[in-house]
């Protein structure tokens, strides 16, 4: 899967699941604030990632994710490791 495809898929499920406008999803925006995530929403996000990309997310890996770009990079790296 190409990086652009991964980013597109991520944005698609973020818009659908978290009811955020796509134009708010920009690489340097704060992920938690933009999506208005609380701890339960974060669990939902982890489940969605695991379901869509087929890998398990470890909490400590997710702790460093602040921006959408961090999130994209994390998912891209994990998807590419699995290939």
PDB file of N, CA and C in Angstrom:
ATOM      1  N   UNK A   1       0.845  -1.175   0.000  1.00  0.00           N
ATOM      2  CA  UNK A   1       0.000   0.000   0.000  1.00  0.00           C
ATOM      3  C   UNK A   1       0.899   1.249   0.000  1.00  0.00           C
ATOM      4  N   UNK A   2       0.600   2.170  -0.878  1.00  0.00           N
ATOM      5  CA  UNK A   2       1.378   3.409  -0.986  1.00  0.00           C
ATOM      6  C   UNK A   2       1.048   4.364   0.167  1.00  0.00           C
ATOM      7  N   UNK A   3       2.003   5.231   0.498  1.00  0.00           N
ATOM      8  CA  UNK A   3       1.800   6.197   1.580  1.00  0.00           C
ATOM      9  C   UNK A   3       0.556   7.045   1.368  1.00  0.00           C
ATOM     10  N   UNK A   4       0.339   7.496   0.126  1.00  0.00           N
ATOM     11  CA  UNK A   4      -0.833   8.328  -0.169  1.00  0.00           C
ATOM     12  C   UNK A   4      -2.125   7.571   0.094  1.00  0.00           C
ATOM     13  N   UNK A   5      -2.130   6.278  -0.232  1.00  0.00           N
ATOM     14  CA  UNK A   5      -3.315   5.448   0.004  1.00  0.00           C
ATOM     15  C   UNK A   5      -3.586   5.314   1.499  1.00  0.00           C
ATOM     16  N   UNK A   6      -2.526   5.132   2.267  1.00  0.00           N
ATOM     17  CA  UNK A   6      -2.658   4.989   3.714  1.00  0.00           C
ATOM     18  C   UNK A   6      -3.223   6.274   4.307  1.00  0.00           C
ATOM     19  N   UNK A   7      -2.655   7.410   3.929  1.00  0.00           N
ATOM     20  CA  UNK A   7      -3.115   8.708   4.443  1.00  0.00           C
ATOM     21  C   UNK A   7      -4.573   8.949   4.063  1.00  0.00           C
ATOM     22  N   UNK A   8      -4.923   8.631   2.823  1.00  0.00           N
ATOM     23  CA  UNK A   8      -6.297   8.804   2.363  1.00  0.00           C
ATOM     24  C   UNK A   8      -7.258   7.937   3.172  1.00  0.00           C
ATOM     25  N   UNK A   9      -6.862   6.697   3.414  1.00  0.00           N
ATOM     26  CA  UNK A   9      -7.698   5.775   4.185  1.00  0.00           C
ATOM     27  C   UNK A   9      -7.858   6.274   5.626  1.00  0.00           C
ATOM     28  N   UNK A  10      -6.759   6.761   6.212  1.00  0.00           N
ATOM     29  CA  UNK A  10      -6.818   7.305   7.573  1.00  0.00           C
ATOM     30  C   UNK A  10      -7.789   8.477   7.621  1.00  0.00           C
ATOM     31  N   UNK A  11      -7.614   9.430   6.703  1.00  0.00           N
ATOM     32  CA  UNK A  11      -8.480  10.609   6.697  1.00  0.00           C
ATOM     33  C   UNK A  11      -9.934  10.231   6.522  1.00  0.00           C
ATOM     34  N   UNK A  12     -10.180   9.251   5.674  1.00  0.00           N
ATOM     35  CA  UNK A  12     -11.546   8.797   5.415  1.00  0.00           C
ATOM     36  C   UNK A  12     -12.206   8.288   6.697  1.00  0.00           C
ATOM     37  N   UNK A  13     -11.512   7.413   7.438  1.00  0.00           N
ATOM     38  CA  UNK A  13     -12.145   6.901   8.650  1.00  0.00           C
ATOM     39  C   UNK A  13     -12.185   7.937   9.774  1.00  0.00           C
ATOM     40  N   UNK A  14     -11.252   8.887   9.791  1.00  0.00           N
ATOM     41  CA  UNK A  14     -11.318   9.941  10.806  1.00  0.00           C
ATOM     42  C   UNK A  14     -12.549  10.821  10.581  1.00  0.00           C
ATOM     43  N   UNK A  15     -12.807  11.184   9.331  1.00  0.00           N
ATOM     44  CA  UNK A  15     -13.976  12.008   8.998  1.00  0.00           C
ATOM     45  C   UNK A  15     -15.258  11.257   9.362  1.00  0.00           C
ATOM     46  N   UNK A  16     -15.296   9.984   9.006  1.00  0.00           N
ATOM     47  CA  UNK A  16     -16.500   9.189   9.229  1.00  0.00           C
ATOM     48  C   UNK A  16     -16.733   8.897  10.715  1.00  0.00           C
ATOM     49  N   UNK A  17     -15.706   8.448  11.403  1.00  0.00           N
ATOM     50  CA  UNK A  17     -15.867   7.999  12.794  1.00  0.00           C
ATOM     51  C   UNK A  17     -15.904   9.138  13.815  1.00  0.00           C
ATOM     52  N   UNK A  18     -15.160  10.202  13.555  1.00  0.00           N
ATOM     53  CA  UNK A  18     -15.034  11.264  14.552  1.00  0.00           C
ATOM     54  C   UNK A  18     -15.717  12.561  14.132  1.00  0.00           C
ATOM     55  N   UNK A  19     -16.439  12.502  13.017  1.00  0.00           N
ATOM     56  CA  UNK A  19     -17.255  13.614  12.533  1.00  0.00           C
ATOM     57  C   UNK A  19     -16.498  14.936  12.526  1.00  0.00           C
ATOM     58  N   UNK A  20     -15.313  14.896  11.945  1.00  0.00           N
ATOM     59  CA  UNK A  20     -14.490  16.090  11.793  1.00  0.00           C
ATOM     60  C   UNK A  20     -14.478  16.451  10.309  1.00  0.00           C
ATOM     61  N   UNK A  21     -14.402  17.724  10.016  1.00  0.00           N
ATOM     62  CA  UNK A  21     -14.334  18.168   8.626  1.00  0.00           C
ATOM     63  C   UNK A  21     -12.951  17.820   8.063  1.00  0.00           C
ATOM     64  N   UNK A  22     -12.939  17.342   6.835  1.00  0.00           N
ATOM     65  CA  UNK A  22     -11.669  16.921   6.235  1.00  0.00           C
ATOM     66  C   UNK A  22     -10.660  18.061   6.155  1.00  0.00           C
ATOM     67  N   UNK A  23     -11.123  19.301   5.984  1.00  0.00           N
ATOM     68  CA  UNK A  23     -10.190  20.421   5.877  1.00  0.00           C
ATOM     69  C   UNK A  23      -9.518  20.755   7.216  1.00  0.00           C
ATOM     70  N   UNK A  24      -9.997  20.177   8.314  1.00  0.00           N
ATOM     71  CA  UNK A  24      -9.351  20.358   9.615  1.00  0.00           C
ATOM     72  C   UNK A  24      -8.190  19.386   9.805  1.00  0.00           C
ATOM     73  N   UNK A  25      -8.149  18.362   8.980  1.00  0.00           N
ATOM     74  CA  UNK A  25      -7.105  17.347   9.084  1.00  0.00           C
ATOM     75  C   UNK A  25      -5.912  17.790   8.242  1.00  0.00           C
ATOM     76  N   UNK A  26      -4.992  18.453   8.913  1.00  0.00           N
ATOM     77  CA  UNK A  26      -3.760  18.913   8.261  1.00  0.00           C
ATOM     78  C   UNK A  26      -2.584  18.335   9.036  1.00  0.00           C
ATOM     79  N   UNK A  27      -1.472  18.055   8.349  1.00  0.00           N
ATOM     80  CA  UNK A  27      -0.357  17.338   8.983  1.00  0.00           C
ATOM     81  C   UNK A  27       0.137  17.909  10.307  1.00  0.00           C
ATOM     82  N   UNK A  28       0.189  19.229  10.460  1.00  0.00           N
ATOM     83  CA  UNK A  28       0.758  19.787  11.689  1.00  0.00           C
ATOM     84  C   UNK A  28      -0.283  20.108  12.766  1.00  0.00           C
ATOM     85  N   UNK A  29      -1.551  19.788  12.521  1.00  0.00           N
ATOM     86  CA  UNK A  29      -2.598  20.016  13.519  1.00  0.00           C
ATOM     87  C   UNK A  29      -2.488  18.983  14.638  1.00  0.00           C
ATOM     88  N   UNK A  30      -2.889  19.380  15.843  1.00  0.00           N
ATOM     89  CA  UNK A  30      -2.879  18.483  16.989  1.00  0.00           C
ATOM     90  C   UNK A  30      -4.000  17.452  16.834  1.00  0.00           C
ATOM     91  N   UNK A  31      -3.637  16.194  16.847  1.00  0.00           N
ATOM     92  CA  UNK A  31      -4.578  15.097  16.621  1.00  0.00           C
ATOM     93  C   UNK A  31      -5.677  15.063  17.691  1.00  0.00           C
ATOM     94  N   UNK A  32      -5.277  15.075  18.953  1.00  0.00           N
ATOM     95  CA  UNK A  32      -6.239  14.956  20.050  1.00  0.00           C
ATOM     96  C   UNK A  32      -7.211  16.138  20.088  1.00  0.00           C
ATOM     97  N   UNK A  33      -6.684  17.341  19.910  1.00  0.00           N
ATOM     98  CA  UNK A  33      -7.528  18.539  19.974  1.00  0.00           C
ATOM     99  C   UNK A  33      -8.463  18.629  18.776  1.00  0.00           C
ATOM    100  N   UNK A  34      -7.935  18.380  17.580  1.00  0.00           N
ATOM    101  CA  UNK A  34      -8.746  18.494  16.367  1.00  0.00           C
ATOM    102  C   UNK A  34      -9.900  17.496  16.382  1.00  0.00           C
ATOM    103  N   UNK A  35      -9.613  16.271  16.812  1.00  0.00           N
ATOM    104  CA  UNK A  35     -10.649  15.240  16.843  1.00  0.00           C
ATOM    105  C   UNK A  35     -11.452  15.257  18.145  1.00  0.00           C
ATOM    106  N   UNK A  36     -11.034  16.129  19.095  1.00  0.00           N
ATOM    107  CA  UNK A  36     -11.684  16.218  20.401  1.00  0.00           C
ATOM    108  C   UNK A  36     -11.771  14.835  21.057  1.00  0.00           C
ATOM    109  N   UNK A  37     -10.620  14.162  21.123  1.00  0.00           N
ATOM    110  CA  UNK A  37     -10.572  12.801  21.651  1.00  0.00           C
ATOM    111  C   UNK A  37     -10.451  12.784  23.165  1.00  0.00           C
ATOM    112  N   UNK A  38     -11.264  11.936  23.780  1.00  0.00           N
ATOM    113  CA  UNK A  38     -11.061  11.625  25.191  1.00  0.00           C
ATOM    114  C   UNK A  38     -10.484  10.209  25.241  1.00  0.00           C
ATOM    115  N   UNK A  39     -10.298   9.659  26.419  1.00  0.00           N
ATOM    116  CA  UNK A  39      -9.640   8.355  26.515  1.00  0.00           C
ATOM    117  C   UNK A  39     -10.452   7.246  25.838  1.00  0.00           C
ATOM    118  N   UNK A  40     -11.774   7.314  25.906  1.00  0.00           N
ATOM    119  CA  UNK A  40     -12.596   6.300  25.234  1.00  0.00           C
ATOM    120  C   UNK A  40     -12.495   6.418  23.719  1.00  0.00           C
ATOM    121  N   UNK A  41     -12.460   7.655  23.220  1.00  0.00           N
ATOM    122  CA  UNK A  41     -12.302   7.865  21.779  1.00  0.00           C
ATOM    123  C   UNK A  41     -10.953   7.329  21.302  1.00  0.00           C
ATOM    124  N   UNK A  42      -9.947   7.476  22.140  1.00  0.00           N
ATOM    125  CA  UNK A  42      -8.611   6.985  21.793  1.00  0.00           C
ATOM    126  C   UNK A  42      -8.629   5.466  21.640  1.00  0.00           C
ATOM    127  N   UNK A  43      -9.356   4.795  22.508  1.00  0.00           N
ATOM    128  CA  UNK A  43      -9.508   3.346  22.395  1.00  0.00           C
ATOM    129  C   UNK A  43     -10.198   3.010  21.075  1.00  0.00           C
ATOM    130  N   UNK A  44     -11.242   3.758  20.740  1.00  0.00           N
ATOM    131  CA  UNK A  44     -11.933   3.550  19.459  1.00  0.00           C
ATOM    132  C   UNK A  44     -10.977   3.729  18.290  1.00  0.00           C
ATOM    133  N   UNK A  45     -10.135   4.755  18.366  1.00  0.00           N
ATOM    134  CA  UNK A  45      -9.174   5.021  17.302  1.00  0.00           C
ATOM    135  C   UNK A  45      -8.208   3.852  17.147  1.00  0.00           C
ATOM    136  N   UNK A  46      -7.729   3.317  18.258  1.00  0.00           N
ATOM    137  CA  UNK A  46      -6.814   2.175  18.224  1.00  0.00           C
ATOM    138  C   UNK A  46      -7.492   0.973  17.569  1.00  0.00           C
ATOM    139  N   UNK A  47      -8.735   0.708  17.943  1.00  0.00           N
ATOM    140  CA  UNK A  47      -9.481  -0.415  17.370  1.00  0.00           C
ATOM    141  C   UNK A  47      -9.647  -0.231  15.857  1.00  0.00           C
ATOM    142  N   UNK A  48      -9.951   0.992  15.444  1.00  0.00           N
ATOM    143  CA  UNK A  48     -10.124   1.284  14.017  1.00  0.00           C
ATOM    144  C   UNK A  48      -8.814   1.060  13.257  1.00  0.00           C
ATOM    145  N   UNK A  49      -7.708   1.499  13.831  1.00  0.00           N
ATOM    146  CA  UNK A  49      -6.401   1.297  13.196  1.00  0.00           C
ATOM    147  C   UNK A  49      -6.137  -0.195  13.038  1.00  0.00           C
ATOM    148  N   UNK A  50      -6.331  -0.929  14.122  1.00  0.00           N
ATOM    149  CA  UNK A  50      -6.073  -2.373  14.087  1.00  0.00           C
ATOM    150  C   UNK A  50      -6.948  -3.073  13.055  1.00  0.00           C
ATOM    151  N   UNK A  51      -8.210  -2.680  12.980  1.00  0.00           N
ATOM    152  CA  UNK A  51      -9.152  -3.295  12.034  1.00  0.00           C
ATOM    153  C   UNK A  51      -8.793  -2.958  10.586  1.00  0.00           C
ATOM    154  N   UNK A  52      -8.435  -1.694  10.337  1.00  0.00           N
ATOM    155  CA  UNK A  52      -8.169  -1.251   8.965  1.00  0.00           C
ATOM    156  C   UNK A  52      -6.790  -1.621   8.446  1.00  0.00           C
ATOM    157  N   UNK A  53      -5.820  -1.739   9.349  1.00  0.00           N
ATOM    158  CA  UNK A  53      -4.450  -1.948   8.885  1.00  0.00           C
ATOM    159  C   UNK A  53      -3.829  -3.255   9.358  1.00  0.00           C
ATOM    160  N   UNK A  54      -4.516  -4.002  10.207  1.00  0.00           N
ATOM    161  CA  UNK A  54      -4.087  -5.349  10.552  1.00  0.00           C
ATOM    162  C   UNK A  54      -2.873  -5.472  11.443  1.00  0.00           C
ATOM    163  N   UNK A  55      -2.624  -4.515  12.314  1.00  0.00           N
ATOM    164  CA  UNK A  55      -1.550  -4.669  13.287  1.00  0.00           C
ATOM    165  C   UNK A  55      -2.035  -4.197  14.652  1.00  0.00           C
ATOM    166  N   UNK A  56      -1.395  -4.704  15.700  1.00  0.00           N
ATOM    167  CA  UNK A  56      -1.748  -4.332  17.067  1.00  0.00           C
ATOM    168  C   UNK A  56      -1.012  -3.060  17.460  1.00  0.00           C
ATOM    169  N   UNK A  57      -1.719  -2.156  18.092  1.00  0.00           N
ATOM    170  CA  UNK A  57      -1.150  -0.896  18.560  1.00  0.00           C
ATOM    171  C   UNK A  57      -0.787  -1.050  20.029  1.00  0.00           C
ATOM    172  N   UNK A  58       0.445  -0.664  20.368  1.00  0.00           N
ATOM    173  CA  UNK A  58       0.887  -0.688  21.758  1.00  0.00           C
ATOM    174  C   UNK A  58       0.760   0.727  22.308  1.00  0.00           C
ATOM    175  N   UNK A  59       0.220   0.850  23.498  1.00  0.00           N
ATOM    176  CA  UNK A  59      -0.021   2.157  24.105  1.00  0.00           C
ATOM    177  C   UNK A  59       1.198   3.042  24.160  1.00  0.00           C
ATOM    178  N   UNK A  60       2.343   2.446  24.502  1.00  0.00           N
ATOM    179  CA  UNK A  60       3.556   3.253  24.613  1.00  0.00           C
ATOM    180  C   UNK A  60       4.008   3.801  23.261  1.00  0.00           C
ATOM    181  N   UNK A  61       3.714   3.098  22.193  1.00  0.00           N
ATOM    182  CA  UNK A  61       4.052   3.590  20.848  1.00  0.00           C
ATOM    183  C   UNK A  61       3.162   4.779  20.491  1.00  0.00           C
ATOM    184  N   UNK A  62       1.952   4.746  20.946  1.00  0.00           N
ATOM    185  CA  UNK A  62       0.979   5.769  20.597  1.00  0.00           C
ATOM    186  C   UNK A  62       1.173   7.050  21.419  1.00  0.00           C
ATOM    187  N   UNK A  63       1.887   6.948  22.529  1.00  0.00           N
ATOM    188  CA  UNK A  63       2.056   8.075  23.446  1.00  0.00           C
ATOM    189  C   UNK A  63       2.762   9.273  22.805  1.00  0.00           C
ATOM    190  N   UNK A  64       3.644   9.037  21.847  1.00  0.00           N
ATOM    191  CA  UNK A  64       4.418  10.115  21.218  1.00  0.00           C
ATOM    192  C   UNK A  64       3.683  10.797  20.070  1.00  0.00           C
ATOM    193  N   UNK A  65       2.514  10.312  19.725  1.00  0.00           N
ATOM    194  CA  UNK A  65       1.783  10.865  18.589  1.00  0.00           C
ATOM    195  C   UNK A  65       1.047  12.128  19.029  1.00  0.00           C
ATOM    196  N   UNK A  66       1.458  13.243  18.456  1.00  0.00           N
ATOM    197  CA  UNK A  66       0.842  14.533  18.792  1.00  0.00           C
ATOM    198  C   UNK A  66       0.075  15.128  17.610  1.00  0.00           C
ATOM    199  N   UNK A  67       0.653  15.015  16.423  1.00  0.00           N
ATOM    200  CA  UNK A  67       0.060  15.634  15.231  1.00  0.00           C
ATOM    201  C   UNK A  67      -0.449  14.564  14.270  1.00  0.00           C
ATOM    202  N   UNK A  68      -1.207  15.010  13.289  1.00  0.00           N
ATOM    203  CA  UNK A  68      -1.657  14.078  12.254  1.00  0.00           C
ATOM    204  C   UNK A  68      -0.461  13.483  11.516  1.00  0.00           C
ATOM    205  N   UNK A  69       0.587  14.283  11.297  1.00  0.00           N
ATOM    206  CA  UNK A  69       1.769  13.763  10.608  1.00  0.00           C
ATOM    207  C   UNK A  69       2.431  12.660  11.426  1.00  0.00           C
ATOM    208  N   UNK A  70       2.516  12.839  12.741  1.00  0.00           N
ATOM    209  CA  UNK A  70       3.047  11.771  13.607  1.00  0.00           C
ATOM    210  C   UNK A  70       2.212  10.509  13.446  1.00  0.00           C
ATOM    211  N   UNK A  71       0.900  10.693  13.403  1.00  0.00           N
ATOM    212  CA  UNK A  71      -0.025   9.572  13.268  1.00  0.00           C
ATOM    213  C   UNK A  71       0.163   8.868  11.928  1.00  0.00           C
ATOM    214  N   UNK A  72       0.234   9.650  10.846  1.00  0.00           N
ATOM    215  CA  UNK A  72       0.471   9.073   9.515  1.00  0.00           C
ATOM    216  C   UNK A  72       1.771   8.287   9.503  1.00  0.00           C
ATOM    217  N   UNK A  73       2.840   8.907  10.020  1.00  0.00           N
ATOM    218  CA  UNK A  73       4.154   8.261  10.018  1.00  0.00           C
ATOM    219  C   UNK A  73       4.129   6.953  10.794  1.00  0.00           C
ATOM    220  N   UNK A  74       3.464   6.956  11.933  1.00  0.00           N
ATOM    221  CA  UNK A  74       3.356   5.751  12.751  1.00  0.00           C
ATOM    222  C   UNK A  74       2.672   4.629  11.973  1.00  0.00           C
ATOM    223  N   UNK A  75       1.515   4.930  11.398  1.00  0.00           N
ATOM    224  CA  UNK A  75       0.759   3.898  10.673  1.00  0.00           C
ATOM    225  C   UNK A  75       1.541   3.437   9.456  1.00  0.00           C
ATOM    226  N   UNK A  76       2.117   4.352   8.702  1.00  0.00           N
ATOM    227  CA  UNK A  76       2.900   4.002   7.501  1.00  0.00           C
ATOM    228  C   UNK A  76       4.064   3.077   7.875  1.00  0.00           C
ATOM    229  N   UNK A  77       4.789   3.441   8.934  1.00  0.00           N
ATOM    230  CA  UNK A  77       5.916   2.599   9.367  1.00  0.00           C
ATOM    231  C   UNK A  77       5.479   1.222   9.784  1.00  0.00           C
ATOM    232  N   UNK A  78       4.369   1.134  10.519  1.00  0.00           N
ATOM    233  CA  UNK A  78       3.868  -0.178  10.966  1.00  0.00           C
ATOM    234  C   UNK A  78       3.360  -1.009   9.782  1.00  0.00           C
ATOM    235  N   UNK A  79       2.670  -0.369   8.850  1.00  0.00           N
ATOM    236  CA  UNK A  79       2.170  -1.097   7.675  1.00  0.00           C
ATOM    237  C   UNK A  79       3.350  -1.609   6.851  1.00  0.00           C
ATOM    238  N   UNK A  80       4.358  -0.782   6.647  1.00  0.00           N
ATOM    239  CA  UNK A  80       5.524  -1.186   5.861  1.00  0.00           C
ATOM    240  C   UNK A  80       6.349  -2.261   6.536  1.00  0.00           C
ATOM    241  N   UNK A  81       6.387  -2.287   7.854  1.00  0.00           N
ATOM    242  CA  UNK A  81       7.095  -3.346   8.590  1.00  0.00           C
ATOM    243  C   UNK A  81       6.433  -4.694   8.371  1.00  0.00           C
ATOM    244  N   UNK A  82       5.114  -4.656   8.235  1.00  0.00           N
ATOM    245  CA  UNK A  82       4.346  -5.893   8.080  1.00  0.00           C
ATOM    246  C   UNK A  82       4.473  -6.525   6.699  1.00  0.00           C
ATOM    247  N   UNK A  83       5.026  -5.776   5.748  1.00  0.00           N
ATOM    248  CA  UNK A  83       5.099  -6.316   4.377  1.00  0.00           C
ATOM    249  C   UNK A  83       6.367  -7.082   4.151  1.00  0.00           C
TER     250      UNK A  83
END
